[in-house]
PDB file of N, CA and C in Angstrom:
ATOM      1  N   MET A   1      34.178  60.280 222.318  1.00  0.00           N
ATOM      2  CA  MET A   1      34.188  58.850 222.128  1.00  0.00           C
ATOM      3  C   MET A   1      32.910  58.439 221.387  1.00  0.00           C
ATOM      4  N   SER A   2      33.064  57.770 220.272  1.00  0.00           N
ATOM      5  CA  SER A   2      31.867  57.336 219.564  1.00  0.00           C
ATOM      6  C   SER A   2      31.496  55.920 220.027  1.00  0.00           C
ATOM      7  N   ALA A   3      30.231  55.697 220.119  1.00  0.00           N
ATOM      8  CA  ALA A   3      29.762  54.424 220.619  1.00  0.00           C
ATOM      9  C   ALA A   3      28.560  53.996 219.787  1.00  0.00           C
ATOM     10  N   ARG A   4      28.389  52.732 219.763  1.00  0.00           N
ATOM     11  CA  ARG A   4      27.146  52.210 219.097  1.00  0.00           C
ATOM     12  C   ARG A   4      26.534  51.198 220.015  1.00  0.00           C
ATOM     13  N   SER A   5      25.218  51.203 220.023  1.00  0.00           N
ATOM     14  CA  SER A   5      24.520  50.239 220.865  1.00  0.00           C
ATOM     15  C   SER A   5      24.321  48.970 220.034  1.00  0.00           C
ATOM     16  N   ALA A   6      24.040  47.875 220.769  1.00  0.00           N
ATOM     17  CA  ALA A   6      23.849  46.600 220.104  1.00  0.00           C
ATOM     18  C   ALA A   6      22.676  46.640 219.108  1.00  0.00           C
ATOM     19  N   SER A   7      21.770  47.579 219.333  1.00  0.00           N
ATOM     20  CA  SER A   7      20.614  47.650 218.413  1.00  0.00           C
ATOM     21  C   SER A   7      20.908  48.493 217.193  1.00  0.00           C
ATOM     22  N   ASP A   8      22.137  49.056 217.079  1.00  0.00           N
ATOM     23  CA  ASP A   8      22.514  49.838 215.904  1.00  0.00           C
ATOM     24  C   ASP A   8      22.771  48.941 214.699  1.00  0.00           C
ATOM     25  N   GLY A   9      22.926  47.672 214.911  1.00  0.00           N
ATOM     26  CA  GLY A   9      23.279  46.735 213.864  1.00  0.00           C
ATOM     27  C   GLY A   9      22.091  46.423 212.965  1.00  0.00           C
ATOM     28  N   PRO A  10      22.167  45.347 212.187  1.00  0.00           N
ATOM     29  CA  PRO A  10      21.146  45.026 211.248  1.00  0.00           C
ATOM     30  C   PRO A  10      19.866  44.521 211.908  1.00  0.00           C
ATOM     31  N   SER A  11      19.891  44.159 213.164  1.00  0.00           N
ATOM     32  CA  SER A  11      18.700  43.605 213.836  1.00  0.00           C
ATOM     33  C   SER A  11      17.760  44.732 214.166  1.00  0.00           C
ATOM     34  N   GLY A  12      16.456  44.476 214.056  1.00  0.00           N
ATOM     35  CA  GLY A  12      15.465  45.464 214.340  1.00  0.00           C
ATOM     36  C   GLY A  12      14.844  45.232 215.689  1.00  0.00           C
ATOM     37  N   ALA A  13      13.851  46.035 216.052  1.00  0.00           N
ATOM     38  CA  ALA A  13      13.235  45.952 217.340  1.00  0.00           C
ATOM     39  C   ALA A  13      12.497  44.656 217.554  1.00  0.00           C
ATOM     40  N   ASP A  14      12.143  43.962 216.463  1.00  0.00           N
ATOM     41  CA  ASP A  14      11.438  42.707 216.612  1.00  0.00           C
ATOM     42  C   ASP A  14      12.325  41.527 216.826  1.00  0.00           C
ATOM     43  N   SER A  15      13.658  41.715 216.653  1.00  0.00           N
ATOM     44  CA  SER A  15      14.590  40.584 216.809  1.00  0.00           C
ATOM     45  C   SER A  15      15.006  40.503 218.277  1.00  0.00           C
ATOM     46  N   PRO A  16      15.591  39.337 218.704  1.00  0.00           N
ATOM     47  CA  PRO A  16      15.985  39.206 220.052  1.00  0.00           C
ATOM     48  C   PRO A  16      17.026  40.246 220.472  1.00  0.00           C
ATOM     49  N   SER A  17      17.939  40.655 219.580  1.00  0.00           N
ATOM     50  CA  SER A  17      18.908  41.650 219.967  1.00  0.00           C
ATOM     51  C   SER A  17      18.363  43.049 220.000  1.00  0.00           C
ATOM     52  N   GLY A  18      17.085  43.222 219.608  1.00  0.00           N
ATOM     53  CA  GLY A  18      16.400  44.496 219.683  1.00  0.00           C
ATOM     54  C   GLY A  18      15.701  44.670 221.000  1.00  0.00           C
ATOM     55  N   SER A  19      15.871  43.741 221.916  1.00  0.00           N
ATOM     56  CA  SER A  19      15.230  43.785 223.201  1.00  0.00           C
ATOM     57  C   SER A  19      15.808  44.918 224.040  1.00  0.00           C
ATOM     58  N   ALA A  20      15.086  45.289 225.083  1.00  0.00           N
ATOM     59  CA  ALA A  20      15.549  46.331 226.006  1.00  0.00           C
ATOM     60  C   ALA A  20      16.879  45.952 226.622  1.00  0.00           C
ATOM     61  N   ARG A  21      17.046  44.688 226.918  1.00  0.00           N
ATOM     62  CA  ARG A  21      18.330  44.238 227.503  1.00  0.00           C
ATOM     63  C   ARG A  21      19.479  44.506 226.510  1.00  0.00           C
ATOM     64  N   ALA A  22      19.311  44.150 225.274  1.00  0.00           N
ATOM     65  CA  ALA A  22      20.369  44.354 224.285  1.00  0.00           C
ATOM     66  C   ALA A  22      20.591  45.826 224.018  1.00  0.00           C
ATOM     67  N   ARG A  23      19.557  46.648 224.086  1.00  0.00           N
ATOM     68  CA  ARG A  23      19.721  48.062 223.811  1.00  0.00           C
ATOM     69  C   ARG A  23      20.583  48.696 224.875  1.00  0.00           C
ATOM     70  N   ASN A  24      20.770  48.059 226.057  1.00  0.00           N
ATOM     71  CA  ASN A  24      21.649  48.586 227.048  1.00  0.00           C
ATOM     72  C   ASN A  24      23.113  48.349 226.818  1.00  0.00           C
ATOM     73  N   LEU A  25      23.447  47.582 225.756  1.00  0.00           N
ATOM     74  CA  LEU A  25      24.828  47.340 225.410  1.00  0.00           C
ATOM     75  C   LEU A  25      25.341  48.458 224.545  1.00  0.00           C
ATOM     76  N   THR A  26      26.397  49.087 224.964  1.00  0.00           N
ATOM     77  CA  THR A  26      27.067  50.137 224.186  1.00  0.00           C
ATOM     78  C   THR A  26      28.475  49.638 223.946  1.00  0.00           C
ATOM     79  N   HIS A  27      28.854  49.667 222.676  1.00  0.00           N
ATOM     80  CA  HIS A  27      30.204  49.244 222.297  1.00  0.00           C
ATOM     81  C   HIS A  27      30.969  50.441 221.800  1.00  0.00           C
ATOM     82  N   VAL A  28      32.192  50.591 222.277  1.00  0.00           N
ATOM     83  CA  VAL A  28      33.066  51.679 221.917  1.00  0.00           C
ATOM     84  C   VAL A  28      34.161  51.061 221.035  1.00  0.00           C
ATOM     85  N   HIS A  29      34.458  51.677 219.919  1.00  0.00           N
ATOM     86  CA  HIS A  29      35.518  51.194 219.067  1.00  0.00           C
ATOM     87  C   HIS A  29      36.853  51.505 219.745  1.00  0.00           C
ATOM     88  N   PRO A  30      37.764  50.578 219.749  1.00  0.00           N
ATOM     89  CA  PRO A  30      39.075  50.812 220.387  1.00  0.00           C
ATOM     90  C   PRO A  30      39.809  52.071 219.917  1.00  0.00           C
ATOM     91  N   ALA A  31      39.605  52.481 218.671  1.00  0.00           N
ATOM     92  CA  ALA A  31      40.248  53.694 218.195  1.00  0.00           C
ATOM     93  C   ALA A  31      39.734  54.960 218.903  1.00  0.00           C
ATOM     94  N   ASP A  32      38.589  54.840 219.535  1.00  0.00           N
ATOM     95  CA  ASP A  32      37.981  55.964 220.241  1.00  0.00           C
ATOM     96  C   ASP A  32      38.237  55.953 221.722  1.00  0.00           C
ATOM     97  N   VAL A  33      39.048  54.997 222.184  1.00  0.00           N
ATOM     98  CA  VAL A  33      39.346  54.838 223.621  1.00  0.00           C
ATOM     99  C   VAL A  33      40.686  55.531 223.945  1.00  0.00           C
ATOM    100  N   PRO A  34      40.703  56.385 224.990  1.00  0.00           N
ATOM    101  CA  PRO A  34      41.964  56.994 225.409  1.00  0.00           C
ATOM    102  C   PRO A  34      42.891  55.920 225.970  1.00  0.00           C
ATOM    103  N   LEU A  35      44.181  56.161 225.832  1.00  0.00           N
ATOM    104  CA  LEU A  35      45.145  55.195 226.318  1.00  0.00           C
ATOM    105  C   LEU A  35      44.944  54.885 227.827  1.00  0.00           C
ATOM    106  N   GLN A  36      44.667  55.905 228.614  1.00  0.00           N
ATOM    107  CA  GLN A  36      44.496  55.681 230.029  1.00  0.00           C
ATOM    108  C   GLN A  36      43.328  54.739 230.315  1.00  0.00           C
ATOM    109  N   ALA A  37      42.222  54.870 229.583  1.00  0.00           N
ATOM    110  CA  ALA A  37      41.065  53.970 229.746  1.00  0.00           C
ATOM    111  C   ALA A  37      41.448  52.541 229.410  1.00  0.00           C
ATOM    112  N   ALA A  38      42.240  52.344 228.343  1.00  0.00           N
ATOM    113  CA  ALA A  38      42.674  51.005 228.004  1.00  0.00           C
ATOM    114  C   ALA A  38      43.579  50.431 229.079  1.00  0.00           C
ATOM    115  N   LEU A  39      44.493  51.262 229.604  1.00  0.00           N
ATOM    116  CA  LEU A  39      45.391  50.765 230.655  1.00  0.00           C
ATOM    117  C   LEU A  39      44.604  50.430 231.923  1.00  0.00           C
ATOM    118  N   ASP A  40      43.639  51.292 232.277  1.00  0.00           N
ATOM    119  CA  ASP A  40      42.803  51.011 233.452  1.00  0.00           C
ATOM    120  C   ASP A  40      42.058  49.727 233.281  1.00  0.00           C
ATOM    121  N   ALA A  41      41.534  49.450 232.099  1.00  0.00           N
ATOM    122  CA  ALA A  41      40.754  48.253 231.874  1.00  0.00           C
ATOM    123  C   ALA A  41      41.587  46.999 232.039  1.00  0.00           C
ATOM    124  N   VAL A  42      42.833  47.009 231.633  1.00  0.00           N
ATOM    125  CA  VAL A  42      43.677  45.789 231.727  1.00  0.00           C
ATOM    126  C   VAL A  42      44.437  45.718 233.019  1.00  0.00           C
ATOM    127  N   ALA A  43      44.271  46.725 233.902  1.00  0.00           N
ATOM    128  CA  ALA A  43      45.025  46.766 235.130  1.00  0.00           C
ATOM    129  C   ALA A  43      44.469  45.731 236.164  1.00  0.00           C
ATOM    130  N   ASP A  44      43.216  45.405 236.061  1.00  0.00           N
ATOM    131  CA  ASP A  44      42.574  44.563 237.060  1.00  0.00           C
ATOM    132  C   ASP A  44      42.790  43.082 236.719  1.00  0.00           C
ATOM    133  N   PRO A  45      43.199  42.273 237.725  1.00  0.00           N
ATOM    134  CA  PRO A  45      43.458  40.864 237.457  1.00  0.00           C
ATOM    135  C   PRO A  45      42.220  40.059 237.023  1.00  0.00           C
ATOM    136  N   VAL A  46      41.040  40.453 237.509  1.00  0.00           N
ATOM    137  CA  VAL A  46      39.842  39.726 237.073  1.00  0.00           C
ATOM    138  C   VAL A  46      39.581  39.980 235.601  1.00  0.00           C
ATOM    139  N   ARG A  47      39.726  41.229 235.178  1.00  0.00           N
ATOM    140  CA  ARG A  47      39.522  41.553 233.767  1.00  0.00           C
ATOM    141  C   ARG A  47      40.600  40.909 232.881  1.00  0.00           C
ATOM    142  N   ARG A  48      41.850  40.828 233.385  1.00  0.00           N
ATOM    143  CA  ARG A  48      42.850  40.153 232.607  1.00  0.00           C
ATOM    144  C   ARG A  48      42.516  38.663 232.461  1.00  0.00           C
ATOM    145  N   ALA A  49      41.985  38.057 233.470  1.00  0.00           N
ATOM    146  CA  ALA A  49      41.610  36.637 233.424  1.00  0.00           C
ATOM    147  C   ALA A  49      40.490  36.446 232.367  1.00  0.00           C
ATOM    148  N   ILE A  50      39.575  37.357 232.316  1.00  0.00           N
ATOM    149  CA  ILE A  50      38.483  37.315 231.266  1.00  0.00           C
ATOM    150  C   ILE A  50      39.125  37.375 229.882  1.00  0.00           C
ATOM    151  N   LEU A  51      40.032  38.338 229.703  1.00  0.00           N
ATOM    152  CA  LEU A  51      40.677  38.492 228.411  1.00  0.00           C
ATOM    153  C   LEU A  51      41.482  37.235 228.026  1.00  0.00           C
ATOM    154  N   CYS A  52      42.213  36.670 228.963  1.00  0.00           N
ATOM    155  CA  CYS A  52      42.996  35.471 228.677  1.00  0.00           C
ATOM    156  C   CYS A  52      42.055  34.315 228.267  1.00  0.00           C
ATOM    157  N   GLU A  53      40.947  34.162 228.942  1.00  0.00           N
ATOM    158  CA  GLU A  53      40.039  33.061 228.613  1.00  0.00           C
ATOM    159  C   GLU A  53      39.416  33.299 227.233  1.00  0.00           C
ATOM    160  N   LEU A  54      39.018  34.548 226.942  1.00  0.00           N
ATOM    161  CA  LEU A  54      38.424  34.851 225.638  1.00  0.00           C
ATOM    162  C   LEU A  54      39.417  34.668 224.509  1.00  0.00           C
ATOM    163  N   ALA A  55      40.714  34.964 224.786  1.00  0.00           N
ATOM    164  CA  ALA A  55      41.735  34.792 223.737  1.00  0.00           C
ATOM    165  C   ALA A  55      41.903  33.351 223.330  1.00  0.00           C
ATOM    166  N   GLY A  56      41.593  32.433 224.220  1.00  0.00           N
ATOM    167  CA  GLY A  56      41.762  31.021 223.927  1.00  0.00           C
ATOM    168  C   GLY A  56      40.522  30.332 223.407  1.00  0.00           C
ATOM    169  N   GLU A  57      39.476  31.092 223.127  1.00  0.00           N
ATOM    170  CA  GLU A  57      38.189  30.526 222.659  1.00  0.00           C
ATOM    171  C   GLU A  57      37.770  31.142 221.347  1.00  0.00           C
ATOM    172  N   PRO A  58      36.974  30.409 220.567  1.00  0.00           N
ATOM    173  CA  PRO A  58      36.416  30.998 219.357  1.00  0.00           C
ATOM    174  C   PRO A  58      35.424  32.145 219.740  1.00  0.00           C
ATOM    175  N   ASP A  59      35.272  33.111 218.825  1.00  0.00           N
ATOM    176  CA  ASP A  59      34.319  34.186 219.043  1.00  0.00           C
ATOM    177  C   ASP A  59      32.935  33.698 219.314  1.00  0.00           C
ATOM    178  N   TRP A  60      32.251  34.375 220.204  1.00  0.00           N
ATOM    179  CA  TRP A  60      30.825  34.170 220.489  1.00  0.00           C
ATOM    180  C   TRP A  60      30.554  32.800 221.122  1.00  0.00           C
ATOM    181  N   THR A  61      31.507  32.186 221.746  1.00  0.00           N
ATOM    182  CA  THR A  61      31.259  30.868 222.363  1.00  0.00           C
ATOM    183  C   THR A  61      31.231  30.919 223.892  1.00  0.00           C
ATOM    184  N   ARG A  62      31.675  32.034 224.499  1.00  0.00           N
ATOM    185  CA  ARG A  62      31.704  32.101 225.948  1.00  0.00           C
ATOM    186  C   ARG A  62      30.640  33.090 226.458  1.00  0.00           C
ATOM    187  N   ALA A  63      29.755  32.569 227.274  1.00  0.00           N
ATOM    188  CA  ALA A  63      28.748  33.415 227.942  1.00  0.00           C
ATOM    189  C   ALA A  63      29.365  33.973 229.205  1.00  0.00           C
ATOM    190  N   CYS A  64      28.879  35.083 229.651  1.00  0.00           N
ATOM    191  CA  CYS A  64      29.430  35.732 230.840  1.00  0.00           C
ATOM    192  C   CYS A  64      29.411  34.834 232.062  1.00  0.00           C
ATOM    193  N   GLY A  65      28.391  34.028 232.216  1.00  0.00           N
ATOM    194  CA  GLY A  65      28.262  33.182 233.375  1.00  0.00           C
ATOM    195  C   GLY A  65      29.172  31.964 233.416  1.00  0.00           C
ATOM    196  N   THR A  66      29.899  31.715 232.300  1.00  0.00           N
ATOM    197  CA  THR A  66      30.764  30.525 232.220  1.00  0.00           C
ATOM    198  C   THR A  66      32.157  30.752 232.702  1.00  0.00           C
ATOM    199  N   PHE A  67      32.478  31.977 233.109  1.00  0.00           N
ATOM    200  CA  PHE A  67      33.874  32.293 233.593  1.00  0.00           C
ATOM    201  C   PHE A  67      33.939  31.984 235.075  1.00  0.00           C
ATOM    202  N   ASP A  68      35.016  31.298 235.457  1.00  0.00           N
ATOM    203  CA  ASP A  68      35.227  31.029 236.853  1.00  0.00           C
ATOM    204  C   ASP A  68      35.976  32.189 237.511  1.00  0.00           C
ATOM    205  N   LEU A  69      35.220  33.111 238.031  1.00  0.00           N
ATOM    206  CA  LEU A  69      35.764  34.329 238.584  1.00  0.00           C
ATOM    207  C   LEU A  69      35.482  34.459 240.076  1.00  0.00           C
ATOM    208  N   PRO A  70      36.419  35.000 240.843  1.00  0.00           N
ATOM    209  CA  PRO A  70      36.278  35.087 242.325  1.00  0.00           C
ATOM    210  C   PRO A  70      35.436  36.304 242.732  1.00  0.00           C
ATOM    211  N   VAL A  71      34.374  36.630 241.985  1.00  0.00           N
ATOM    212  CA  VAL A  71      33.546  37.809 242.318  1.00  0.00           C
ATOM    213  C   VAL A  71      32.070  37.439 242.134  1.00  0.00           C
ATOM    214  N   GLY A  72      31.233  38.265 242.711  1.00  0.00           N
ATOM    215  CA  GLY A  72      29.791  38.033 242.578  1.00  0.00           C
ATOM    216  C   GLY A  72      29.274  38.525 241.241  1.00  0.00           C
ATOM    217  N   LYS A  73      27.937  38.291 241.037  1.00  0.00           N
ATOM    218  CA  LYS A  73      27.339  38.606 239.746  1.00  0.00           C
ATOM    219  C   LYS A  73      27.383  40.043 239.399  1.00  0.00           C
ATOM    220  N   ALA A  74      27.089  40.944 240.337  1.00  0.00           N
ATOM    221  CA  ALA A  74      27.114  42.383 240.057  1.00  0.00           C
ATOM    222  C   ALA A  74      28.531  42.850 239.699  1.00  0.00           C
ATOM    223  N   THR A  75      29.530  42.353 240.428  1.00  0.00           N
ATOM    224  CA  THR A  75      30.898  42.750 240.131  1.00  0.00           C
ATOM    225  C   THR A  75      31.364  42.166 238.815  1.00  0.00           C
ATOM    226  N   ARG A  76      30.929  40.993 238.491  1.00  0.00           N
ATOM    227  CA  ARG A  76      31.214  40.359 237.240  1.00  0.00           C
ATOM    228  C   ARG A  76      30.674  41.228 236.089  1.00  0.00           C
ATOM    229  N   SER A  77      29.430  41.655 236.212  1.00  0.00           N
ATOM    230  CA  SER A  77      28.779  42.509 235.212  1.00  0.00           C
ATOM    231  C   SER A  77      29.551  43.802 235.064  1.00  0.00           C
ATOM    232  N   HIS A  78      30.012  44.361 236.155  1.00  0.00           N
ATOM    233  CA  HIS A  78      30.840  45.570 236.087  1.00  0.00           C
ATOM    234  C   HIS A  78      32.114  45.383 235.288  1.00  0.00           C
ATOM    235  N   HIS A  79      32.814  44.263 235.548  1.00  0.00           N
ATOM    236  CA  HIS A  79      34.056  43.972 234.840  1.00  0.00           C
ATOM    237  C   HIS A  79      33.800  43.859 233.335  1.00  0.00           C
ATOM    238  N   PHE A  80      32.755  43.170 232.968  1.00  0.00           N
ATOM    239  CA  PHE A  80      32.429  43.042 231.543  1.00  0.00           C
ATOM    240  C   PHE A  80      32.121  44.416 230.923  1.00  0.00           C
ATOM    241  N   ALA A  81      31.425  45.249 231.686  1.00  0.00           N
ATOM    242  CA  ALA A  81      31.089  46.649 231.137  1.00  0.00           C
ATOM    243  C   ALA A  81      32.357  47.431 230.948  1.00  0.00           C
ATOM    244  N   VAL A  82      33.285  47.339 231.890  1.00  0.00           N
ATOM    245  CA  VAL A  82      34.562  48.091 231.759  1.00  0.00           C
ATOM    246  C   VAL A  82      35.273  47.606 230.499  1.00  0.00           C
ATOM    247  N   LEU A  83      35.355  46.342 230.276  1.00  0.00           N
ATOM    248  CA  LEU A  83      36.023  45.781 229.100  1.00  0.00           C
ATOM    249  C   LEU A  83      35.345  46.199 227.828  1.00  0.00           C
ATOM    250  N   ARG A  84      34.005  46.245 227.833  1.00  0.00           N
ATOM    251  CA  ARG A  84      33.258  46.669 226.675  1.00  0.00           C
ATOM    252  C   ARG A  84      33.494  48.153 226.390  1.00  0.00           C
ATOM    253  N   GLN A  85      33.453  48.951 227.423  1.00  0.00           N
ATOM    254  CA  GLN A  85      33.679  50.416 227.288  1.00  0.00           C
ATOM    255  C   GLN A  85      35.093  50.747 226.848  1.00  0.00           C
ATOM    256  N   ALA A  86      36.032  49.894 227.118  1.00  0.00           N
ATOM    257  CA  ALA A  86      37.425  50.093 226.687  1.00  0.00           C
ATOM    258  C   ALA A  86      37.667  49.559 225.300  1.00  0.00           C
ATOM    259  N   GLY A  87      36.633  49.009 224.650  1.00  0.00           N
ATOM    260  CA  GLY A  87      36.803  48.497 223.291  1.00  0.00           C
ATOM    261  C   GLY A  87      37.481  47.150 223.233  1.00  0.00           C
ATOM    262  N   LEU A  88      37.603  46.436 224.330  1.00  0.00           N
ATOM    263  CA  LEU A  88      38.316  45.155 224.377  1.00  0.00           C
ATOM    264  C   LEU A  88      37.384  43.994 224.004  1.00  0.00           C
ATOM    265  N   ILE A  89      36.116  44.077 224.363  1.00  0.00           N
ATOM    266  CA  ILE A  89      35.170  43.020 224.024  1.00  0.00           C
ATOM    267  C   ILE A  89      33.945  43.556 223.379  1.00  0.00           C
ATOM    268  N   GLU A  90      33.291  42.662 222.667  1.00  0.00           N
ATOM    269  CA  GLU A  90      31.973  42.944 222.090  1.00  0.00           C
ATOM    270  C   GLU A  90      31.028  41.874 222.671  1.00  0.00           C
ATOM    271  N   GLN A  91      29.814  42.251 223.002  1.00  0.00           N
ATOM    272  CA  GLN A  91      28.862  41.332 223.554  1.00  0.00           C
ATOM    273  C   GLN A  91      27.572  41.362 222.730  1.00  0.00           C
ATOM    274  N   ARG A  92      26.870  40.216 222.732  1.00  0.00           N
ATOM    275  CA  ARG A  92      25.543  40.163 222.131  1.00  0.00           C
ATOM    276  C   ARG A  92      24.769  39.104 222.875  1.00  0.00           C
ATOM    277  N   ASP A  93      23.465  39.231 222.804  1.00  0.00           N
ATOM    278  CA  ASP A  93      22.593  38.303 223.477  1.00  0.00           C
ATOM    279  C   ASP A  93      22.253  37.162 222.518  1.00  0.00           C
ATOM    280  N   ALA A  94      22.350  35.961 223.054  1.00  0.00           N
ATOM    281  CA  ALA A  94      22.037  34.763 222.318  1.00  0.00           C
ATOM    282  C   ALA A  94      21.032  33.970 223.192  1.00  0.00           C
ATOM    283  N   GLY A  95      19.750  34.245 223.029  1.00  0.00           N
ATOM    284  CA  GLY A  95      18.765  33.672 223.898  1.00  0.00           C
ATOM    285  C   GLY A  95      18.940  34.245 225.281  1.00  0.00           C
ATOM    286  N   PRO A  96      18.963  33.437 226.300  1.00  0.00           N
ATOM    287  CA  PRO A  96      19.135  33.919 227.691  1.00  0.00           C
ATOM    288  C   PRO A  96      20.604  34.225 228.030  1.00  0.00           C
ATOM    289  N   ARG A  97      21.503  33.900 227.166  1.00  0.00           N
ATOM    290  CA  ARG A  97      22.930  34.082 227.423  1.00  0.00           C
ATOM    291  C   ARG A  97      23.479  35.309 226.762  1.00  0.00           C
ATOM    292  N   ARG A  98      24.441  35.951 227.391  1.00  0.00           N
ATOM    293  CA  ARG A  98      25.181  37.063 226.785  1.00  0.00           C
ATOM    294  C   ARG A  98      26.553  36.525 226.441  1.00  0.00           C
ATOM    295  N   VAL A  99      26.843  36.483 225.157  1.00  0.00           N
ATOM    296  CA  VAL A  99      28.085  35.898 224.684  1.00  0.00           C
ATOM    297  C   VAL A  99      29.087  37.020 224.300  1.00  0.00           C
ATOM    298  N   ASN A 100      30.343  36.624 224.261  1.00  0.00           N
ATOM    299  CA  ASN A 100      31.415  37.615 224.153  1.00  0.00           C
ATOM    300  C   ASN A 100      32.392  37.301 223.009  1.00  0.00           C
ATOM    301  N   ARG A 101      33.021  38.392 222.537  1.00  0.00           N
ATOM    302  CA  ARG A 101      34.058  38.278 221.547  1.00  0.00           C
ATOM    303  C   ARG A 101      35.171  39.219 221.932  1.00  0.00           C
ATOM    304  N   LEU A 102      36.410  38.694 221.963  1.00  0.00           N
ATOM    305  CA  LEU A 102      37.564  39.594 222.144  1.00  0.00           C
ATOM    306  C   LEU A 102      37.811  40.347 220.858  1.00  0.00           C
ATOM    307  N   ARG A 103      37.885  41.632 220.937  1.00  0.00           N
ATOM    308  CA  ARG A 103      38.051  42.488 219.768  1.00  0.00           C
ATOM    309  C   ARG A 103      39.519  42.667 219.475  1.00  0.00           C
ATOM    310  N   ARG A 104      40.224  41.598 219.375  1.00  0.00           N
ATOM    311  CA  ARG A 104      41.665  41.624 219.215  1.00  0.00           C
ATOM    312  C   ARG A 104      42.146  42.390 218.007  1.00  0.00           C
ATOM    313  N   PRO A 105      41.668  42.122 216.791  1.00  0.00           N
ATOM    314  CA  PRO A 105      42.190  42.867 215.629  1.00  0.00           C
ATOM    315  C   PRO A 105      41.987  44.407 215.803  1.00  0.00           C
ATOM    316  N   GLU A 106      40.827  44.817 216.243  1.00  0.00           N
ATOM    317  CA  GLU A 106      40.543  46.261 216.378  1.00  0.00           C
ATOM    318  C   GLU A 106      41.406  46.856 217.499  1.00  0.00           C
ATOM    319  N   PHE A 107      41.534  46.123 218.615  1.00  0.00           N
ATOM    320  CA  PHE A 107      42.304  46.668 219.734  1.00  0.00           C
ATOM    321  C   PHE A 107      43.768  46.691 219.416  1.00  0.00           C
ATOM    322  N   ASP A 108      44.301  45.675 218.694  1.00  0.00           N
ATOM    323  CA  ASP A 108      45.691  45.667 218.309  1.00  0.00           C
ATOM    324  C   ASP A 108      46.016  46.816 217.370  1.00  0.00           C
ATOM    325  N   GLU A 109      45.073  47.164 216.513  1.00  0.00           N
ATOM    326  CA  GLU A 109      45.284  48.309 215.590  1.00  0.00           C
ATOM    327  C   GLU A 109      45.389  49.634 216.393  1.00  0.00           C
ATOM    328  N   ALA A 110      44.579  49.784 217.410  1.00  0.00           N
ATOM    329  CA  ALA A 110      44.581  51.024 218.204  1.00  0.00           C
ATOM    330  C   ALA A 110      45.743  51.069 219.182  1.00  0.00           C
ATOM    331  N   PHE A 111      46.068  49.879 219.777  1.00  0.00           N
ATOM    332  CA  PHE A 111      47.108  49.824 220.822  1.00  0.00           C
ATOM    333  C   PHE A 111      48.056  48.653 220.523  1.00  0.00           C
ATOM    334  N   PRO A 112      48.927  48.801 219.510  1.00  0.00           N
ATOM    335  CA  PRO A 112      49.775  47.690 219.089  1.00  0.00           C
ATOM    336  C   PRO A 112      50.628  47.170 220.245  1.00  0.00           C
ATOM    337  N   GLY A 113      50.588  45.825 220.406  1.00  0.00           N
ATOM    338  CA  GLY A 113      51.401  45.177 221.419  1.00  0.00           C
ATOM    339  C   GLY A 113      50.858  45.104 222.813  1.00  0.00           C
ATOM    340  N   LEU A 114      49.893  45.994 223.171  1.00  0.00           N
ATOM    341  CA  LEU A 114      49.380  45.993 224.520  1.00  0.00           C
ATOM    342  C   LEU A 114      48.659  44.701 224.923  1.00  0.00           C
ATOM    343  N   LEU A 115      47.775  44.260 224.062  1.00  0.00           N
ATOM    344  CA  LEU A 115      47.030  43.036 224.388  1.00  0.00           C
ATOM    345  C   LEU A 115      47.993  41.829 224.397  1.00  0.00           C
ATOM    346  N   ASP A 116      48.956  41.777 223.510  1.00  0.00           N
ATOM    347  CA  ASP A 116      49.945  40.692 223.540  1.00  0.00           C
ATOM    348  C   ASP A 116      50.654  40.628 224.920  1.00  0.00           C
ATOM    349  N   LEU A 117      51.069  41.799 225.392  1.00  0.00           N
ATOM    350  CA  LEU A 117      51.736  41.869 226.670  1.00  0.00           C
ATOM    351  C   LEU A 117      50.857  41.395 227.797  1.00  0.00           C
ATOM    352  N   VAL A 118      49.613  41.859 227.813  1.00  0.00           N
ATOM    353  CA  VAL A 118      48.663  41.508 228.860  1.00  0.00           C
ATOM    354  C   VAL A 118      48.413  39.997 228.851  1.00  0.00           C
ATOM    355  N   LEU A 119      48.186  39.419 227.674  1.00  0.00           N
ATOM    356  CA  LEU A 119      47.905  38.011 227.584  1.00  0.00           C
ATOM    357  C   LEU A 119      49.112  37.126 227.934  1.00  0.00           C
ATOM    358  N   ARG A 120      50.261  37.615 227.658  1.00  0.00           N
ATOM    359  CA  ARG A 120      51.495  36.869 227.974  1.00  0.00           C
ATOM    360  C   ARG A 120      51.809  36.904 229.476  1.00  0.00           C
ATOM    361  N   GLU A 121      51.496  37.964 230.128  1.00  0.00           N
ATOM    362  CA  GLU A 121      51.891  38.191 231.495  1.00  0.00           C
ATOM    363  C   GLU A 121      50.776  37.830 232.560  1.00  0.00           C
ATOM    364  N   SER A 122      49.612  37.516 232.107  1.00  0.00           N
ATOM    365  CA  SER A 122      48.476  37.390 233.014  1.00  0.00           C
ATOM    366  C   SER A 122      48.204  35.955 233.498  1.00  0.00           C
ATOM    367  N   PRO A 123      48.378  35.706 234.746  1.00  0.00           N
ATOM    368  CA  PRO A 123      47.947  34.404 235.294  1.00  0.00           C
ATOM    369  C   PRO A 123      46.429  34.481 235.488  1.00  0.00           C
ATOM    370  N   PRO A 124      45.742  33.341 235.445  1.00  0.00           N
ATOM    371  CA  PRO A 124      44.273  33.322 235.673  1.00  0.00           C
ATOM    372  C   PRO A 124      43.934  33.868 237.046  1.00  0.00           C
ATOM    373  N   ALA A 125      42.842  34.614 237.189  1.00  0.00           N
ATOM    374  CA  ALA A 125      42.393  35.178 238.470  1.00  0.00           C
ATOM    375  C   ALA A 125      41.401  34.298 239.149  1.00  0.00           C
ATOM    376  N   GLY A 126      40.820  33.347 238.373  1.00  0.00           N
ATOM    377  CA  GLY A 126      39.767  32.480 238.926  1.00  0.00           C
ATOM    378  C   GLY A 126      40.325  31.487 239.915  1.00  0.00           C
ATOM    379  N   GLY A 127      39.414  30.852 240.620  1.00  0.00           N
ATOM    380  CA  GLY A 127      39.903  29.908 241.662  1.00  0.00           C
ATOM    381  C   GLY A 127      39.352  28.623 241.439  1.00  0.00           C
TER     382      GLY A 127
END
């Protein structure tokens, strides 16, 4: 599985995304994700709720803390990490916030129809 960290992009060590926090972000391209990992990622109702909310928003407008999820902060972070490792989302730091993008075009190319099915069938998990 090939992965790139957030610091692999055009930003250098002096930029905000070159921070130690941003260097902890590893993004996997959906083409490098095994089918089982993709299925595991979308199997959880909390992760499906995150995907549904991101699908209805413009890229880079939703910070992790803005999702109404029935889990604590550590569990929330875990769910975002699983989605990132499955190639479903991309994250970047924008000041104190970590914002998200659904990688729909890339994921649809690797797993045609899977995300459409998940988004169509998923009720929100938040309360």
